[in-house]
Amino acid sequence: MSHLSEINVPEKAPRRIGIVESDARDMTRKVVINYSVKHPKYGKYIRRRTVLQVHDAKNESHNGDRVEVAECRPISKTKSWVLTRVVEKAVGSE
């Protein structure tokens, strides 16, 4: 099996920006992506959220950090996204 710290992410891979909700596990982060969709009939905007399990090989992100993630090959049963960079550190974290 290849070394997971060197996962190749294609340049055109889908990327999202979200907030780390949990950093309790080693090399895995739970990232929440919030977005709005317009209701097809009534036109009201509805808030939605997607929760992704993200591979963080260097354990560089923590709770509250804004991060960029990219889609990659499946790493485990629930992980198919990898952390590309930390966009903004959470207030109060070092």
N, C-alpha and C. Protein backbone atom coordinates (compact mmCIF):
# COMPACT_ATOMS: atom_id res chain seq x y z
N MET A 1 0.84 -1.18 0.00
CA MET A 1 0.00 0.00 0.00
C MET A 1 0.88 1.24 0.00
N SER A 2 0.48 2.28 -0.72
CA SER A 2 1.28 3.49 -0.81
C SER A 2 1.21 4.30 0.48
N HIS A 3 2.16 5.19 0.62
CA HIS A 3 2.22 6.03 1.80
C HIS A 3 1.15 7.11 1.68
N LEU A 4 0.26 7.22 2.69
CA LEU A 4 -0.87 8.13 2.60
C LEU A 4 -0.50 9.60 2.75
N SER A 5 0.70 9.90 3.23
CA SER A 5 1.08 11.30 3.35
C SER A 5 1.41 11.92 2.00
N GLU A 6 1.55 11.09 0.97
CA GLU A 6 1.90 11.58 -0.36
C GLU A 6 0.79 11.28 -1.36
N ILE A 7 -0.42 11.65 -1.04
CA ILE A 7 -1.56 11.42 -1.92
C ILE A 7 -1.54 12.46 -3.03
N ASN A 8 -1.58 12.00 -4.26
CA ASN A 8 -1.60 12.90 -5.40
C ASN A 8 -3.01 13.40 -5.64
N VAL A 9 -3.15 14.72 -5.67
CA VAL A 9 -4.45 15.35 -5.91
C VAL A 9 -4.36 16.05 -7.26
N PRO A 10 -5.22 15.68 -8.22
CA PRO A 10 -5.18 16.34 -9.52
C PRO A 10 -5.50 17.83 -9.40
N GLU A 11 -4.96 18.62 -10.32
CA GLU A 11 -5.19 20.07 -10.30
C GLU A 11 -6.67 20.41 -10.46
N LYS A 12 -7.39 19.60 -11.24
CA LYS A 12 -8.80 19.88 -11.50
C LYS A 12 -9.74 19.20 -10.51
N ALA A 13 -9.20 18.65 -9.44
CA ALA A 13 -10.04 17.98 -8.44
C ALA A 13 -10.95 19.00 -7.77
N PRO A 14 -12.21 18.61 -7.49
CA PRO A 14 -13.11 19.54 -6.80
C PRO A 14 -12.55 19.96 -5.45
N ARG A 15 -12.64 21.24 -5.15
CA ARG A 15 -12.13 21.78 -3.89
C ARG A 15 -13.25 22.53 -3.18
N ARG A 16 -13.25 22.45 -1.86
CA ARG A 16 -14.24 23.12 -1.03
C ARG A 16 -13.53 23.79 0.14
N ILE A 17 -14.16 24.81 0.71
CA ILE A 17 -13.64 25.45 1.91
C ILE A 17 -14.67 25.25 3.01
N GLY A 18 -14.20 24.76 4.16
CA GLY A 18 -15.09 24.49 5.28
C GLY A 18 -14.39 24.75 6.60
N ILE A 19 -15.09 24.43 7.68
CA ILE A 19 -14.59 24.66 9.03
C ILE A 19 -14.43 23.33 9.74
N VAL A 20 -13.30 23.15 10.42
CA VAL A 20 -13.03 21.91 11.15
C VAL A 20 -13.94 21.86 12.37
N GLU A 21 -14.72 20.80 12.47
CA GLU A 21 -15.64 20.63 13.60
C GLU A 21 -15.06 19.71 14.66
N SER A 22 -14.23 18.74 14.25
CA SER A 22 -13.66 17.80 15.21
C SER A 22 -12.26 17.40 14.76
N ASP A 23 -11.34 17.39 15.74
CA ASP A 23 -9.98 16.93 15.46
C ASP A 23 -9.56 15.86 16.46
N ALA A 24 -10.52 15.07 16.91
CA ALA A 24 -10.28 14.07 17.96
C ALA A 24 -9.47 12.87 17.46
N ARG A 25 -9.56 12.55 16.18
CA ARG A 25 -8.87 11.37 15.66
C ARG A 25 -7.55 11.73 14.99
N ASP A 26 -6.65 10.79 14.99
CA ASP A 26 -5.33 11.00 14.40
C ASP A 26 -5.44 10.97 12.87
N MET A 27 -4.97 12.02 12.22
CA MET A 27 -4.94 12.16 10.76
C MET A 27 -6.32 12.19 10.11
N THR A 28 -7.38 12.43 10.88
CA THR A 28 -8.72 12.55 10.32
C THR A 28 -9.40 13.76 10.95
N ARG A 29 -10.03 14.57 10.13
CA ARG A 29 -10.77 15.73 10.61
C ARG A 29 -12.20 15.67 10.09
N LYS A 30 -13.12 16.18 10.89
CA LYS A 30 -14.50 16.32 10.44
C LYS A 30 -14.69 17.77 10.04
N VAL A 31 -14.95 18.00 8.75
CA VAL A 31 -15.07 19.35 8.20
C VAL A 31 -16.50 19.58 7.76
N VAL A 32 -17.06 20.73 8.16
CA VAL A 32 -18.43 21.10 7.82
C VAL A 32 -18.41 22.17 6.75
N ILE A 33 -19.20 21.95 5.70
CA ILE A 33 -19.32 22.92 4.62
C ILE A 33 -20.76 23.41 4.59
N ASN A 34 -20.96 24.70 4.86
CA ASN A 34 -22.29 25.30 4.86
C ASN A 34 -22.55 25.96 3.51
N TYR A 35 -23.78 25.82 3.00
CA TYR A 35 -24.14 26.45 1.74
C TYR A 35 -25.64 26.70 1.73
N SER A 36 -26.12 27.50 0.80
CA SER A 36 -27.54 27.83 0.68
C SER A 36 -28.05 27.38 -0.68
N VAL A 37 -29.29 26.90 -0.69
CA VAL A 37 -29.95 26.54 -1.95
C VAL A 37 -31.30 27.25 -1.98
N LYS A 38 -31.72 27.60 -3.16
CA LYS A 38 -33.00 28.26 -3.33
C LYS A 38 -34.10 27.22 -3.51
N HIS A 39 -35.18 27.35 -2.76
CA HIS A 39 -36.30 26.42 -2.89
C HIS A 39 -36.91 26.60 -4.28
N PRO A 40 -37.15 25.49 -5.00
CA PRO A 40 -37.61 25.62 -6.39
C PRO A 40 -38.98 26.27 -6.54
N LYS A 41 -39.87 26.07 -5.57
CA LYS A 41 -41.22 26.62 -5.70
C LYS A 41 -41.38 27.96 -5.01
N TYR A 42 -40.88 28.07 -3.78
CA TYR A 42 -41.16 29.25 -2.97
C TYR A 42 -40.07 30.31 -3.03
N GLY A 43 -38.90 29.97 -3.52
CA GLY A 43 -37.85 30.96 -3.69
C GLY A 43 -37.07 31.31 -2.44
N LYS A 44 -37.43 30.74 -1.30
CA LYS A 44 -36.71 31.03 -0.07
C LYS A 44 -35.38 30.28 -0.08
N TYR A 45 -34.35 30.93 0.45
CA TYR A 45 -33.04 30.27 0.54
C TYR A 45 -32.98 29.43 1.80
N ILE A 46 -32.57 28.18 1.65
CA ILE A 46 -32.51 27.22 2.75
C ILE A 46 -31.05 26.92 3.04
N ARG A 47 -30.69 26.94 4.32
CA ARG A 47 -29.31 26.63 4.70
C ARG A 47 -29.13 25.12 4.77
N ARG A 48 -28.08 24.64 4.16
CA ARG A 48 -27.73 23.21 4.18
C ARG A 48 -26.30 23.07 4.67
N ARG A 49 -25.94 21.85 5.08
CA ARG A 49 -24.56 21.59 5.48
C ARG A 49 -24.16 20.19 5.07
N THR A 50 -22.90 20.06 4.72
CA THR A 50 -22.32 18.78 4.36
C THR A 50 -21.18 18.51 5.31
N VAL A 51 -21.12 17.29 5.85
CA VAL A 51 -20.05 16.91 6.76
C VAL A 51 -19.14 15.93 6.02
N LEU A 52 -17.84 16.27 5.95
CA LEU A 52 -16.86 15.44 5.25
C LEU A 52 -15.83 14.91 6.23
N GLN A 53 -15.41 13.68 6.03
CA GLN A 53 -14.27 13.12 6.75
C GLN A 53 -13.04 13.40 5.88
N VAL A 54 -12.07 14.12 6.42
CA VAL A 54 -10.94 14.61 5.65
C VAL A 54 -9.64 14.03 6.20
N HIS A 55 -8.75 13.63 5.29
CA HIS A 55 -7.44 13.11 5.68
C HIS A 55 -6.47 14.27 5.87
N ASP A 56 -5.91 14.38 7.09
CA ASP A 56 -4.93 15.41 7.42
C ASP A 56 -3.66 14.70 7.86
N ALA A 57 -2.75 14.45 6.94
CA ALA A 57 -1.57 13.62 7.20
C ALA A 57 -0.64 14.22 8.24
N LYS A 58 -0.55 15.55 8.31
CA LYS A 58 0.39 16.20 9.22
C LYS A 58 -0.26 16.67 10.52
N ASN A 59 -1.55 16.43 10.70
CA ASN A 59 -2.29 16.89 11.88
C ASN A 59 -2.09 18.39 12.11
N GLU A 60 -2.18 19.18 11.04
CA GLU A 60 -1.91 20.61 11.14
C GLU A 60 -3.15 21.46 11.40
N SER A 61 -4.35 20.90 11.29
CA SER A 61 -5.56 21.68 11.53
C SER A 61 -6.18 21.31 12.87
N HIS A 62 -6.93 22.27 13.42
CA HIS A 62 -7.57 22.08 14.72
C HIS A 62 -8.99 22.63 14.67
N ASN A 63 -9.75 22.43 15.75
CA ASN A 63 -11.14 22.88 15.80
C ASN A 63 -11.25 24.37 15.47
N GLY A 64 -12.23 24.69 14.61
CA GLY A 64 -12.50 26.07 14.27
C GLY A 64 -11.69 26.63 13.12
N ASP A 65 -10.67 25.92 12.65
CA ASP A 65 -9.86 26.40 11.53
C ASP A 65 -10.66 26.35 10.24
N ARG A 66 -10.44 27.35 9.37
CA ARG A 66 -11.03 27.33 8.03
C ARG A 66 -10.01 26.66 7.12
N VAL A 67 -10.43 25.58 6.42
CA VAL A 67 -9.50 24.79 5.63
C VAL A 67 -10.02 24.59 4.22
N GLU A 68 -9.10 24.30 3.30
CA GLU A 68 -9.46 23.94 1.93
C GLU A 68 -9.22 22.45 1.77
N VAL A 69 -10.22 21.74 1.24
CA VAL A 69 -10.10 20.30 1.03
C VAL A 69 -10.31 19.99 -0.44
N ALA A 70 -9.72 18.89 -0.89
CA ALA A 70 -9.83 18.48 -2.29
C ALA A 70 -10.24 17.01 -2.33
N GLU A 71 -11.02 16.67 -3.33
CA GLU A 71 -11.46 15.29 -3.50
C GLU A 71 -10.30 14.45 -4.03
N CYS A 72 -10.20 13.21 -3.55
CA CYS A 72 -9.13 12.31 -3.99
C CYS A 72 -9.69 10.89 -4.05
N ARG A 73 -8.81 9.94 -4.27
CA ARG A 73 -9.25 8.55 -4.30
C ARG A 73 -9.70 8.14 -2.89
N PRO A 74 -10.53 7.11 -2.75
CA PRO A 74 -10.95 6.67 -1.41
C PRO A 74 -9.77 6.22 -0.57
N ILE A 75 -9.67 6.76 0.63
CA ILE A 75 -8.61 6.41 1.55
C ILE A 75 -9.10 5.34 2.52
N SER A 76 -10.36 5.44 2.91
CA SER A 76 -10.97 4.44 3.78
C SER A 76 -12.46 4.39 3.43
N LYS A 77 -13.23 3.75 4.28
CA LYS A 77 -14.66 3.60 4.00
C LYS A 77 -15.37 4.96 3.89
N THR A 78 -14.99 5.91 4.73
CA THR A 78 -15.68 7.20 4.75
C THR A 78 -14.83 8.37 4.27
N LYS A 79 -13.53 8.18 4.09
CA LYS A 79 -12.65 9.29 3.71
C LYS A 79 -12.29 9.25 2.24
N SER A 80 -12.68 10.30 1.52
CA SER A 80 -12.24 10.46 0.13
C SER A 80 -11.93 11.93 -0.16
N TRP A 81 -11.59 12.67 0.87
CA TRP A 81 -11.17 14.06 0.76
C TRP A 81 -9.86 14.22 1.51
N VAL A 82 -9.01 15.14 1.03
CA VAL A 82 -7.71 15.37 1.66
C VAL A 82 -7.54 16.87 1.91
N LEU A 83 -6.91 17.21 3.02
CA LEU A 83 -6.65 18.60 3.37
C LEU A 83 -5.54 19.14 2.48
N THR A 84 -5.80 20.27 1.80
CA THR A 84 -4.78 20.87 0.95
C THR A 84 -4.06 22.02 1.65
N ARG A 85 -4.81 22.83 2.41
CA ARG A 85 -4.17 23.93 3.14
C ARG A 85 -5.10 24.46 4.22
N VAL A 86 -4.51 25.10 5.21
CA VAL A 86 -5.27 25.80 6.25
C VAL A 86 -5.38 27.25 5.79
N VAL A 87 -6.61 27.68 5.52
CA VAL A 87 -6.84 29.03 5.02
C VAL A 87 -6.70 30.05 6.14
N GLU A 88 -7.32 29.75 7.29
CA GLU A 88 -7.31 30.70 8.40
C GLU A 88 -7.37 29.92 9.71
N LYS A 89 -6.49 30.28 10.64
CA LYS A 89 -6.48 29.64 11.95
C LYS A 89 -7.64 30.18 12.78
N ALA A 90 -8.16 29.36 13.69
CA ALA A 90 -9.23 29.78 14.58
C ALA A 90 -8.70 30.80 15.58
N VAL A 91 -9.57 31.67 16.03
CA VAL A 91 -9.19 32.68 17.02
C VAL A 91 -8.88 31.97 18.33
N GLY A 92 -7.73 32.28 18.92
CA GLY A 92 -7.35 31.66 20.19
C GLY A 92 -6.49 30.43 20.04
N SER A 93 -6.35 29.89 18.83
CA SER A 93 -5.47 28.73 18.64
C SER A 93 -4.10 29.21 18.19
N GLU A 94 -3.11 28.39 18.40
CA GLU A 94 -1.74 28.79 18.04
C GLU A 94 -1.23 28.03 16.85
